[in-house]
Structure formats: C-alpha cells, structure tokens
Amino acid sequence: MRSDAVGAILAELLGHPDSELSLSELGRRTGVSGPVVHREVGRLVESAILRDRQEGRNRLIRANSEHPLFGLMRDLIAATYGPVPVLRDLFNGVDGADQVLIYGSWAARRAGQSGAFPNDIDLLVIGSVPRRALAAIATAAGEQLDVPVNATRLAAEEWDAGDPSPFVATLRSRPIVDVLTGEVHA
C-alpha cells in the first residue's frame, strides 16, 4: 500500500462493494484526516480502483467491482487491513462494548513492526458484553476473516486501573488498534 491511509480506505470500501460512503464518513471510520482522505480517494478514483459520484454537496465513493484486479485487491486488503471494518460491523449495536481493541501480532504489524504474518487476531473487549455473545461474534469474525479470533473481555475498571494487572500493563505498552475508530496506538 502507498500508505496506511490507503489501506484503511480500501478496507472500508472493498469489503463492502455495494455500499457508498461519503468522504467524511470514510474519514470517521478510518481515523484519517479529511485532506488525506480527499487526496487518496482522488488517486484511487483516477486509477479506477474506486468510483465516485456527486449527490448534492456530497461526494459518494464506492469500490469498482469491475476492476480487473478487484478480487485480488479485496483479498489482499482483507488479510492486511480487513479485521477493523469486519469487527466494527459485528459490534455495531452490541450493548456493553465500551471499547473494542485488537492487540498482539496483528496490531503490531498494523503499527509497522516487522514480523511473521499473524495467524490469528487477538481481540480485547472492554465492557460487559455477555461471554456467549462475545464468543458468537468471535466465531463469525473468524469465519469472515478466515483466521481464528481470540476474544478476551475485561471490565472497564480493570482496564482503567491505576495499578493494572500484568496482562493490562503489557497490553498498554504494546500496539493496539481501536476497532471503533480505526486508530492505531503504537
């Protein structure tokens, strides 16, 4: 990818080829600034990877599913950037999910750390999502992403503790990706 911004934008659009998003919605979902979204979308439209159309004052963007490399790009983006939009969709409307974070090797690769390609996704849900619902979401995500998703739940008090457990202290010191905002914290 040209940049992480391009990868995040393509993950939102190639993963949902029938949906259209405004530039501001793309920025909100990816955590990328408006000017960067505008510039990168312009380049992707010029190369026919994305399509755009005007609706009033809004510029709506969608994947060009007729591009000869669409399937290959979608698969590559799903493997490298896809967990964020997939998990965001699965957690949409789930009560008790205060924060949803990816940690471990996938977050480290997304933060630019070198290493082997991740063979699973480690997910931390902060809040009170019932364990059964969390297990169902992890299974659905694993099926969509074709890798196991290991979900852990913590109470907000545990995550916010001034004297955290060794597990929480380790997580705080390593890269994490916020699923709900798309932000990478290295």
N, C-alpha and C. Protein backbone atom coordinates (compact mmCIF):
# COMPACT_ATOMS: atom_id res chain seq x y z
N MET A 1 0.83 -1.18 0.00
CA MET A 1 0.00 0.00 0.00
C MET A 1 0.87 1.24 0.00
N ARG A 2 0.36 2.25 -0.64
CA ARG A 2 1.04 3.54 -0.66
C ARG A 2 1.19 4.09 0.75
N SER A 3 0.16 3.89 1.56
CA SER A 3 0.18 4.36 2.95
C SER A 3 -0.86 3.59 3.75
N ASP A 4 -0.79 3.72 5.07
CA ASP A 4 -1.82 3.11 5.92
C ASP A 4 -3.18 3.70 5.63
N ALA A 5 -3.21 4.98 5.28
CA ALA A 5 -4.50 5.62 4.97
C ALA A 5 -5.16 4.93 3.79
N VAL A 6 -4.39 4.63 2.75
CA VAL A 6 -4.94 3.94 1.57
C VAL A 6 -5.45 2.57 1.97
N GLY A 7 -4.68 1.83 2.76
CA GLY A 7 -5.11 0.51 3.20
C GLY A 7 -6.41 0.57 3.99
N ALA A 8 -6.52 1.52 4.89
CA ALA A 8 -7.73 1.65 5.70
C ALA A 8 -8.94 2.05 4.84
N ILE A 9 -8.73 2.96 3.90
CA ILE A 9 -9.81 3.38 3.00
C ILE A 9 -10.28 2.21 2.15
N LEU A 10 -9.33 1.47 1.57
CA LEU A 10 -9.69 0.33 0.74
C LEU A 10 -10.38 -0.77 1.55
N ALA A 11 -9.97 -0.96 2.80
CA ALA A 11 -10.62 -1.97 3.64
C ALA A 11 -12.09 -1.65 3.84
N GLU A 12 -12.39 -0.37 4.03
CA GLU A 12 -13.79 0.02 4.22
C GLU A 12 -14.62 -0.18 2.96
N LEU A 13 -14.02 0.06 1.79
CA LEU A 13 -14.79 0.03 0.55
C LEU A 13 -14.75 -1.31 -0.18
N LEU A 14 -13.60 -1.95 -0.26
CA LEU A 14 -13.52 -3.22 -0.98
C LEU A 14 -14.25 -4.32 -0.23
N GLY A 15 -14.30 -4.22 1.08
CA GLY A 15 -15.01 -5.21 1.88
C GLY A 15 -16.52 -5.12 1.77
N HIS A 16 -17.01 -3.98 1.30
CA HIS A 16 -18.45 -3.75 1.13
C HIS A 16 -18.68 -3.12 -0.25
N PRO A 17 -18.49 -3.88 -1.32
CA PRO A 17 -18.52 -3.29 -2.66
C PRO A 17 -19.86 -2.69 -3.08
N ASP A 18 -20.94 -3.03 -2.40
CA ASP A 18 -22.25 -2.49 -2.77
C ASP A 18 -22.61 -1.22 -2.01
N SER A 19 -21.77 -0.82 -1.06
CA SER A 19 -22.10 0.37 -0.29
C SER A 19 -21.31 1.58 -0.76
N GLU A 20 -21.88 2.75 -0.53
CA GLU A 20 -21.23 4.02 -0.84
C GLU A 20 -21.04 4.78 0.46
N LEU A 21 -19.90 5.45 0.55
CA LEU A 21 -19.61 6.25 1.74
C LEU A 21 -19.19 7.64 1.31
N SER A 22 -19.56 8.62 2.11
CA SER A 22 -19.09 9.98 1.86
C SER A 22 -17.64 10.09 2.32
N LEU A 23 -16.97 11.14 1.87
CA LEU A 23 -15.59 11.35 2.29
C LEU A 23 -15.50 11.52 3.80
N SER A 24 -16.45 12.25 4.37
CA SER A 24 -16.41 12.46 5.83
C SER A 24 -16.64 11.15 6.58
N GLU A 25 -17.52 10.30 6.08
CA GLU A 25 -17.76 9.02 6.72
C GLU A 25 -16.52 8.13 6.62
N LEU A 26 -15.85 8.16 5.46
CA LEU A 26 -14.59 7.41 5.32
C LEU A 26 -13.56 7.90 6.33
N GLY A 27 -13.46 9.20 6.51
CA GLY A 27 -12.53 9.74 7.48
C GLY A 27 -12.88 9.31 8.89
N ARG A 28 -14.16 9.33 9.23
CA ARG A 28 -14.60 8.93 10.56
C ARG A 28 -14.29 7.46 10.82
N ARG A 29 -14.57 6.60 9.85
CA ARG A 29 -14.37 5.17 10.03
C ARG A 29 -12.90 4.76 10.06
N THR A 30 -12.06 5.50 9.38
CA THR A 30 -10.66 5.12 9.26
C THR A 30 -9.74 5.88 10.21
N GLY A 31 -10.21 6.98 10.77
CA GLY A 31 -9.36 7.81 11.62
C GLY A 31 -8.36 8.62 10.80
N VAL A 32 -8.63 8.79 9.51
CA VAL A 32 -7.75 9.53 8.59
C VAL A 32 -8.32 10.93 8.42
N SER A 33 -7.46 11.94 8.38
CA SER A 33 -7.91 13.33 8.26
C SER A 33 -8.60 13.57 6.92
N GLY A 34 -9.48 14.56 6.90
CA GLY A 34 -10.23 14.91 5.69
C GLY A 34 -9.36 15.18 4.47
N PRO A 35 -8.33 16.03 4.58
CA PRO A 35 -7.49 16.29 3.41
C PRO A 35 -6.80 15.04 2.86
N VAL A 36 -6.38 14.16 3.75
CA VAL A 36 -5.72 12.93 3.30
C VAL A 36 -6.73 12.02 2.61
N VAL A 37 -7.92 11.88 3.19
CA VAL A 37 -8.97 11.07 2.55
C VAL A 37 -9.26 11.62 1.16
N HIS A 38 -9.43 12.92 1.05
CA HIS A 38 -9.74 13.55 -0.24
C HIS A 38 -8.64 13.27 -1.26
N ARG A 39 -7.40 13.45 -0.87
CA ARG A 39 -6.26 13.24 -1.78
C ARG A 39 -6.15 11.78 -2.22
N GLU A 40 -6.22 10.86 -1.26
CA GLU A 40 -6.03 9.44 -1.58
C GLU A 40 -7.21 8.89 -2.37
N VAL A 41 -8.42 9.31 -2.03
CA VAL A 41 -9.58 8.87 -2.80
C VAL A 41 -9.46 9.37 -4.24
N GLY A 42 -9.01 10.61 -4.43
CA GLY A 42 -8.80 11.14 -5.77
C GLY A 42 -7.86 10.27 -6.58
N ARG A 43 -6.78 9.85 -5.98
CA ARG A 43 -5.82 8.97 -6.68
C ARG A 43 -6.44 7.62 -7.00
N LEU A 44 -7.19 7.07 -6.07
CA LEU A 44 -7.80 5.77 -6.29
C LEU A 44 -8.91 5.83 -7.34
N VAL A 45 -9.62 6.94 -7.42
CA VAL A 45 -10.63 7.13 -8.47
C VAL A 45 -9.94 7.27 -9.82
N GLU A 46 -8.86 8.04 -9.88
CA GLU A 46 -8.11 8.20 -11.13
C GLU A 46 -7.60 6.87 -11.66
N SER A 47 -7.22 5.97 -10.78
CA SER A 47 -6.72 4.67 -11.20
C SER A 47 -7.84 3.64 -11.38
N ALA A 48 -9.08 4.05 -11.24
CA ALA A 48 -10.28 3.23 -11.45
C ALA A 48 -10.46 2.11 -10.42
N ILE A 49 -9.77 2.20 -9.29
CA ILE A 49 -9.96 1.24 -8.22
C ILE A 49 -11.26 1.56 -7.48
N LEU A 50 -11.54 2.87 -7.37
CA LEU A 50 -12.78 3.34 -6.76
C LEU A 50 -13.58 4.13 -7.78
N ARG A 51 -14.86 4.27 -7.50
CA ARG A 51 -15.75 5.11 -8.30
C ARG A 51 -16.35 6.17 -7.39
N ASP A 52 -16.69 7.30 -7.98
CA ASP A 52 -17.34 8.34 -7.19
C ASP A 52 -18.50 8.93 -7.97
N ARG A 53 -19.37 9.58 -7.22
CA ARG A 53 -20.49 10.31 -7.81
C ARG A 53 -20.90 11.41 -6.83
N GLN A 54 -21.47 12.45 -7.38
CA GLN A 54 -21.96 13.57 -6.57
C GLN A 54 -23.43 13.37 -6.27
N GLU A 55 -23.80 13.64 -5.06
CA GLU A 55 -25.21 13.67 -4.66
C GLU A 55 -25.38 14.93 -3.83
N GLY A 56 -25.87 15.97 -4.47
CA GLY A 56 -25.92 17.27 -3.81
C GLY A 56 -24.51 17.74 -3.56
N ARG A 57 -24.20 18.06 -2.31
CA ARG A 57 -22.86 18.52 -1.96
C ARG A 57 -21.93 17.38 -1.54
N ASN A 58 -22.49 16.17 -1.46
CA ASN A 58 -21.70 15.02 -1.01
C ASN A 58 -21.07 14.29 -2.18
N ARG A 59 -19.83 13.90 -2.00
CA ARG A 59 -19.15 13.03 -2.96
C ARG A 59 -19.19 11.63 -2.35
N LEU A 60 -19.88 10.73 -3.04
CA LEU A 60 -20.03 9.36 -2.55
C LEU A 60 -19.04 8.45 -3.27
N ILE A 61 -18.40 7.58 -2.51
CA ILE A 61 -17.33 6.73 -3.00
C ILE A 61 -17.73 5.27 -2.83
N ARG A 62 -17.37 4.45 -3.81
CA ARG A 62 -17.62 3.00 -3.73
C ARG A 62 -16.51 2.26 -4.45
N ALA A 63 -16.40 0.99 -4.18
CA ALA A 63 -15.41 0.15 -4.85
C ALA A 63 -15.83 -0.06 -6.31
N ASN A 64 -14.86 -0.18 -7.19
CA ASN A 64 -15.13 -0.52 -8.58
C ASN A 64 -14.98 -2.03 -8.71
N SER A 65 -16.07 -2.75 -8.53
CA SER A 65 -16.03 -4.22 -8.56
C SER A 65 -15.77 -4.76 -9.96
N GLU A 66 -15.77 -3.90 -10.97
CA GLU A 66 -15.48 -4.33 -12.33
C GLU A 66 -13.99 -4.18 -12.68
N HIS A 67 -13.21 -3.64 -11.76
CA HIS A 67 -11.77 -3.52 -12.00
C HIS A 67 -11.19 -4.92 -12.16
N PRO A 68 -10.31 -5.15 -13.13
CA PRO A 68 -9.78 -6.50 -13.37
C PRO A 68 -9.06 -7.12 -12.16
N LEU A 69 -8.54 -6.30 -11.25
CA LEU A 69 -7.83 -6.81 -10.08
C LEU A 69 -8.67 -6.73 -8.80
N PHE A 70 -9.95 -6.47 -8.93
CA PHE A 70 -10.81 -6.27 -7.76
C PHE A 70 -10.70 -7.44 -6.78
N GLY A 71 -10.89 -8.67 -7.24
CA GLY A 71 -10.86 -9.83 -6.35
C GLY A 71 -9.54 -9.99 -5.64
N LEU A 72 -8.46 -9.81 -6.36
CA LEU A 72 -7.13 -9.92 -5.75
C LEU A 72 -6.89 -8.82 -4.73
N MET A 73 -7.28 -7.58 -5.09
CA MET A 73 -7.10 -6.47 -4.14
C MET A 73 -7.95 -6.68 -2.90
N ARG A 74 -9.20 -7.11 -3.09
CA ARG A 74 -10.09 -7.33 -1.95
C ARG A 74 -9.50 -8.36 -1.00
N ASP A 75 -8.95 -9.45 -1.54
CA ASP A 75 -8.37 -10.49 -0.70
C ASP A 75 -7.14 -9.99 0.05
N LEU A 76 -6.29 -9.25 -0.65
CA LEU A 76 -5.08 -8.72 -0.03
C LEU A 76 -5.43 -7.71 1.08
N ILE A 77 -6.36 -6.82 0.79
CA ILE A 77 -6.77 -5.82 1.79
C ILE A 77 -7.45 -6.49 2.97
N ALA A 78 -8.27 -7.50 2.71
CA ALA A 78 -8.95 -8.21 3.81
C ALA A 78 -7.93 -8.84 4.75
N ALA A 79 -6.86 -9.39 4.19
CA ALA A 79 -5.85 -10.04 5.03
C ALA A 79 -5.04 -9.03 5.83
N THR A 80 -4.80 -7.85 5.27
CA THR A 80 -3.91 -6.90 5.92
C THR A 80 -4.61 -5.78 6.68
N TYR A 81 -5.77 -5.36 6.23
CA TYR A 81 -6.48 -4.25 6.88
C TYR A 81 -7.93 -4.60 7.25
N GLY A 82 -8.41 -5.73 6.79
CA GLY A 82 -9.82 -6.08 6.89
C GLY A 82 -10.42 -6.33 8.25
N PRO A 83 -9.64 -6.77 9.25
CA PRO A 83 -10.29 -7.05 10.54
C PRO A 83 -11.02 -5.86 11.16
N VAL A 84 -10.53 -4.66 10.97
CA VAL A 84 -11.17 -3.50 11.61
C VAL A 84 -12.60 -3.31 11.11
N PRO A 85 -12.86 -3.18 9.79
CA PRO A 85 -14.26 -3.00 9.38
C PRO A 85 -15.14 -4.20 9.66
N VAL A 86 -14.60 -5.41 9.57
CA VAL A 86 -15.40 -6.60 9.86
C VAL A 86 -15.84 -6.60 11.32
N LEU A 87 -14.89 -6.38 12.22
CA LEU A 87 -15.23 -6.36 13.64
C LEU A 87 -16.13 -5.19 14.00
N ARG A 88 -15.88 -4.03 13.39
CA ARG A 88 -16.75 -2.87 13.66
C ARG A 88 -18.19 -3.20 13.29
N ASP A 89 -18.39 -3.83 12.14
CA ASP A 89 -19.75 -4.20 11.72
C ASP A 89 -20.37 -5.19 12.70
N LEU A 90 -19.60 -6.17 13.14
CA LEU A 90 -20.14 -7.19 14.05
C LEU A 90 -20.47 -6.62 15.43
N PHE A 91 -19.74 -5.60 15.86
CA PHE A 91 -20.00 -5.00 17.17
C PHE A 91 -21.01 -3.85 17.10
N ASN A 92 -21.43 -3.48 15.91
CA ASN A 92 -22.41 -2.40 15.76
C ASN A 92 -23.71 -2.77 16.47
N GLY A 93 -24.10 -1.96 17.42
CA GLY A 93 -25.34 -2.19 18.16
C GLY A 93 -25.24 -3.18 19.30
N VAL A 94 -24.04 -3.69 19.60
CA VAL A 94 -23.87 -4.63 20.71
C VAL A 94 -23.74 -3.83 22.01
N ASP A 95 -24.68 -4.07 22.92
CA ASP A 95 -24.64 -3.38 24.21
C ASP A 95 -23.49 -3.89 25.07
N GLY A 96 -22.84 -2.98 25.77
CA GLY A 96 -21.80 -3.36 26.71
C GLY A 96 -20.39 -3.36 26.14
N ALA A 97 -20.23 -3.02 24.86
CA ALA A 97 -18.89 -2.97 24.26
C ALA A 97 -18.40 -1.52 24.32
N ASP A 98 -17.77 -1.15 25.43
CA ASP A 98 -17.30 0.22 25.60
C ASP A 98 -16.12 0.51 24.68
N GLN A 99 -15.20 -0.45 24.58
CA GLN A 99 -14.05 -0.34 23.68
C GLN A 99 -13.81 -1.72 23.08
N VAL A 100 -13.39 -1.74 21.82
CA VAL A 100 -13.03 -2.98 21.15
C VAL A 100 -11.65 -2.75 20.55
N LEU A 101 -10.67 -3.53 21.02
CA LEU A 101 -9.28 -3.31 20.64
C LEU A 101 -8.67 -4.59 20.08
N ILE A 102 -7.86 -4.45 19.04
CA ILE A 102 -7.05 -5.56 18.55
C ILE A 102 -5.65 -5.36 19.11
N TYR A 103 -5.08 -6.41 19.62
CA TYR A 103 -3.73 -6.36 20.16
C TYR A 103 -2.94 -7.54 19.60
N GLY A 104 -1.73 -7.72 20.04
CA GLY A 104 -0.93 -8.86 19.60
C GLY A 104 -0.26 -8.63 18.26
N SER A 105 0.04 -9.72 17.57
CA SER A 105 0.84 -9.64 16.34
C SER A 105 0.15 -8.85 15.23
N TRP A 106 -1.18 -8.97 15.11
CA TRP A 106 -1.85 -8.23 14.04
C TRP A 106 -1.73 -6.73 14.29
N ALA A 107 -1.94 -6.29 15.51
CA ALA A 107 -1.81 -4.87 15.84
C ALA A 107 -0.37 -4.40 15.63
N ALA A 108 0.59 -5.25 15.98
CA ALA A 108 2.00 -4.89 15.80
C ALA A 108 2.32 -4.70 14.31
N ARG A 109 1.85 -5.60 13.46
CA ARG A 109 2.08 -5.44 12.01
C ARG A 109 1.41 -4.17 11.50
N ARG A 110 0.19 -3.90 11.96
CA ARG A 110 -0.55 -2.71 11.53
C ARG A 110 0.16 -1.44 11.99
N ALA A 111 0.87 -1.53 13.11
CA ALA A 111 1.63 -0.38 13.63
C ALA A 111 3.00 -0.24 12.96
N GLY A 112 3.31 -1.16 12.04
CA GLY A 112 4.56 -1.07 11.30
C GLY A 112 5.70 -1.89 11.84
N GLN A 113 5.46 -2.70 12.85
CA GLN A 113 6.52 -3.56 13.37
C GLN A 113 6.68 -4.78 12.47
N SER A 114 7.91 -5.14 12.19
CA SER A 114 8.16 -6.29 11.33
C SER A 114 7.94 -7.58 12.09
N GLY A 115 7.71 -8.63 11.34
CA GLY A 115 7.50 -9.94 11.94
C GLY A 115 6.70 -10.82 11.01
N ALA A 116 6.49 -12.04 11.43
CA ALA A 116 5.73 -13.01 10.64
C ALA A 116 4.28 -12.55 10.49
N PHE A 117 3.67 -12.97 9.39
CA PHE A 117 2.26 -12.65 9.17
C PHE A 117 1.43 -13.30 10.28
N PRO A 118 0.50 -12.56 10.90
CA PRO A 118 -0.28 -13.10 12.02
C PRO A 118 -1.14 -14.28 11.58
N ASN A 119 -1.21 -15.29 12.44
CA ASN A 119 -2.06 -16.44 12.14
C ASN A 119 -3.35 -16.42 12.95
N ASP A 120 -3.58 -15.34 13.70
CA ASP A 120 -4.82 -15.16 14.43
C ASP A 120 -4.98 -13.68 14.78
N ILE A 121 -6.12 -13.35 15.33
CA ILE A 121 -6.40 -11.98 15.76
C ILE A 121 -6.77 -12.02 17.23
N ASP A 122 -6.06 -11.23 18.02
CA ASP A 122 -6.34 -11.13 19.45
C ASP A 122 -7.20 -9.90 19.69
N LEU A 123 -8.35 -10.11 20.29
CA LEU A 123 -9.34 -9.07 20.47
C LEU A 123 -9.62 -8.86 21.95
N LEU A 124 -9.60 -7.60 22.37
CA LEU A 124 -9.93 -7.25 23.74
C LEU A 124 -11.20 -6.40 23.72
N VAL A 125 -12.21 -6.84 24.43
CA VAL A 125 -13.45 -6.09 24.54
C VAL A 125 -13.55 -5.60 25.98
N ILE A 126 -13.61 -4.29 26.11
CA ILE A 126 -13.72 -3.68 27.43
C ILE A 126 -15.18 -3.33 27.64
N GLY A 127 -15.76 -3.89 28.68
CA GLY A 127 -17.16 -3.64 28.95
C GLY A 127 -17.83 -4.88 29.51
N SER A 128 -19.11 -4.99 29.24
CA SER A 128 -19.91 -6.05 29.86
C SER A 128 -20.65 -6.91 28.84
N VAL A 129 -20.10 -7.08 27.65
CA VAL A 129 -20.73 -7.95 26.65
C VAL A 129 -20.79 -9.36 27.22
N PRO A 130 -21.95 -10.00 27.19
CA PRO A 130 -22.03 -11.38 27.70
C PRO A 130 -21.05 -12.29 26.96
N ARG A 131 -20.45 -13.21 27.69
CA ARG A 131 -19.43 -14.10 27.11
C ARG A 131 -19.98 -14.90 25.93
N ARG A 132 -21.21 -15.33 26.02
CA ARG A 132 -21.80 -16.10 24.92
C ARG A 132 -21.91 -15.25 23.66
N ALA A 133 -22.33 -14.00 23.80
CA ALA A 133 -22.41 -13.10 22.65
C ALA A 133 -21.02 -12.82 22.09
N LEU A 134 -20.06 -12.65 22.97
CA LEU A 134 -18.68 -12.39 22.55
C LEU A 134 -18.12 -13.59 21.78
N ALA A 135 -18.41 -14.78 22.25
CA ALA A 135 -17.95 -15.99 21.55
C ALA A 135 -18.59 -16.10 20.17
N ALA A 136 -19.87 -15.75 20.06
CA ALA A 136 -20.55 -15.81 18.76
C ALA A 136 -19.96 -14.80 17.79
N ILE A 137 -19.64 -13.61 18.29
CA ILE A 137 -19.03 -12.58 17.43
C ILE A 137 -17.65 -13.02 16.98
N ALA A 138 -16.86 -13.57 17.89
CA ALA A 138 -15.52 -14.03 17.55
C ALA A 138 -15.58 -15.14 16.50
N THR A 139 -16.53 -16.05 16.62
CA THR A 139 -16.69 -17.12 15.64
C THR A 139 -17.08 -16.55 14.28
N ALA A 140 -18.05 -15.63 14.26
CA ALA A 140 -18.47 -15.01 13.00
C ALA A 140 -17.32 -14.25 12.35
N ALA A 141 -16.56 -13.52 13.14
CA ALA A 141 -15.42 -12.77 12.60
C ALA A 141 -14.37 -13.72 12.04
N GLY A 142 -14.09 -14.79 12.76
CA GLY A 142 -13.13 -15.77 12.28
C GLY A 142 -13.53 -16.39 10.96
N GLU A 143 -14.82 -16.65 10.80
CA GLU A 143 -15.32 -17.21 9.54
C GLU A 143 -15.18 -16.20 8.40
N GLN A 144 -15.47 -14.94 8.66
CA GLN A 144 -15.36 -13.91 7.62
C GLN A 144 -13.92 -13.63 7.25
N LEU A 145 -13.03 -13.65 8.24
CA LEU A 145 -11.64 -13.28 8.02
C LEU A 145 -10.74 -14.48 7.71
N ASP A 146 -11.26 -15.66 7.89
CA ASP A 146 -10.55 -16.90 7.63
C ASP A 146 -9.32 -17.08 8.53
N VAL A 147 -9.38 -16.52 9.73
CA VAL A 147 -8.36 -16.73 10.77
C VAL A 147 -9.09 -16.78 12.11
N PRO A 148 -8.53 -17.51 13.07
CA PRO A 148 -9.17 -17.54 14.39
C PRO A 148 -9.14 -16.16 15.05
N VAL A 149 -10.23 -15.83 15.74
CA VAL A 149 -10.31 -14.59 16.51
C VAL A 149 -10.46 -14.99 17.98
N ASN A 150 -9.48 -14.59 18.78
CA ASN A 150 -9.46 -14.91 20.20
C ASN A 150 -9.93 -13.69 20.98
N ALA A 151 -11.10 -13.80 21.57
CA ALA A 151 -11.69 -12.65 22.27
C ALA A 151 -11.51 -12.77 23.78
N THR A 152 -11.12 -11.66 24.38
CA THR A 152 -10.98 -11.55 25.83
C THR A 152 -11.82 -10.37 26.28
N ARG A 153 -12.50 -10.53 27.41
CA ARG A 153 -13.32 -9.44 27.95
C ARG A 153 -12.73 -8.96 29.26
N LEU A 154 -12.69 -7.64 29.41
CA LEU A 154 -12.25 -7.04 30.67
C LEU A 154 -13.29 -6.01 31.11
N ALA A 155 -13.46 -5.89 32.39
CA ALA A 155 -14.31 -4.82 32.92
C ALA A 155 -13.56 -3.50 32.75
N ALA A 156 -14.31 -2.43 32.57
CA ALA A 156 -13.70 -1.11 32.39
C ALA A 156 -12.80 -0.76 33.58
N GLU A 157 -13.19 -1.16 34.77
CA GLU A 157 -12.39 -0.87 35.95
C GLU A 157 -11.01 -1.53 35.87
N GLU A 158 -10.95 -2.74 35.32
CA GLU A 158 -9.65 -3.42 35.17
C GLU A 158 -8.76 -2.69 34.18
N TRP A 159 -9.34 -2.25 33.07
CA TRP A 159 -8.56 -1.57 32.03
C TRP A 159 -8.07 -0.21 32.52
N ASP A 160 -8.91 0.51 33.27
CA ASP A 160 -8.59 1.86 33.71
C ASP A 160 -7.83 1.91 35.03
N ALA A 161 -7.56 0.77 35.64
CA ALA A 161 -6.94 0.74 36.96
C ALA A 161 -5.59 1.46 36.97
N GLY A 162 -5.35 2.22 38.03
CA GLY A 162 -4.08 2.92 38.19
C GLY A 162 -2.92 1.96 38.43
N ASP A 163 -3.21 0.85 39.06
CA ASP A 163 -2.21 -0.21 39.30
C ASP A 163 -2.70 -1.45 38.55
N PRO A 164 -2.46 -1.50 37.22
CA PRO A 164 -3.05 -2.57 36.40
C PRO A 164 -2.40 -3.94 36.64
N SER A 165 -3.14 -4.95 36.28
CA SER A 165 -2.61 -6.32 36.32
C SER A 165 -1.46 -6.42 35.30
N PRO A 166 -0.61 -7.43 35.43
CA PRO A 166 0.47 -7.59 34.45
C PRO A 166 -0.04 -7.70 33.00
N PHE A 167 -1.17 -8.38 32.81
CA PHE A 167 -1.76 -8.51 31.48
C PHE A 167 -2.12 -7.14 30.91
N VAL A 168 -2.81 -6.33 31.67
CA VAL A 168 -3.22 -5.00 31.22
C VAL A 168 -2.00 -4.11 31.00
N ALA A 169 -1.03 -4.17 31.89
CA ALA A 169 0.19 -3.36 31.74
C ALA A 169 0.92 -3.73 30.45
N THR A 170 0.98 -5.01 30.15
CA THR A 170 1.62 -5.45 28.90
C THR A 170 0.86 -4.94 27.69
N LEU A 171 -0.45 -5.06 27.70
CA LEU A 171 -1.26 -4.58 26.57
C LEU A 171 -1.08 -3.08 26.37
N ARG A 172 -1.08 -2.33 27.44
CA ARG A 172 -0.93 -0.87 27.34
C ARG A 172 0.43 -0.47 26.76
N SER A 173 1.44 -1.32 26.93
CA SER A 173 2.78 -0.99 26.46
C SER A 173 3.04 -1.41 25.01
N ARG A 174 2.10 -2.09 24.41
CA ARG A 174 2.29 -2.60 23.04
C ARG A 174 1.25 -1.98 22.11
N PRO A 175 1.45 -2.15 20.80
CA PRO A 175 0.49 -1.57 19.85
C PRO A 175 -0.91 -2.16 20.01
N ILE A 176 -1.89 -1.28 19.85
CA ILE A 176 -3.29 -1.70 19.82
C ILE A 176 -3.98 -0.92 18.71
N VAL A 177 -5.02 -1.52 18.17
CA VAL A 177 -5.83 -0.88 17.13
C VAL A 177 -7.25 -0.77 17.67
N ASP A 178 -7.77 0.44 17.70
CA ASP A 178 -9.13 0.67 18.17
C ASP A 178 -10.08 0.34 17.02
N VAL A 179 -10.88 -0.68 17.19
CA VAL A 179 -11.78 -1.15 16.13
C VAL A 179 -12.85 -0.11 15.82
N LEU A 180 -13.34 0.58 16.82
CA LEU A 180 -14.44 1.52 16.61
C LEU A 180 -14.01 2.79 15.91
N THR A 181 -12.74 3.20 16.10
CA THR A 181 -12.27 4.44 15.46
C THR A 181 -11.26 4.19 14.34
N GLY A 182 -10.69 2.99 14.28
CA GLY A 182 -9.67 2.70 13.29
C GLY A 182 -8.29 3.21 13.66
N GLU A 183 -8.16 3.86 14.79
CA GLU A 183 -6.87 4.46 15.19
C GLU A 183 -5.89 3.39 15.65
N VAL A 184 -4.63 3.59 15.28
CA VAL A 184 -3.55 2.71 15.69
C VAL A 184 -2.76 3.41 16.78
N HIS A 185 -2.63 2.76 17.93
CA HIS A 185 -1.85 3.33 19.04
C HIS A 185 -0.61 2.46 19.21
N ALA A 186 0.53 3.05 18.85
CA ALA A 186 1.78 2.26 18.90
C ALA A 186 2.56 2.54 20.17
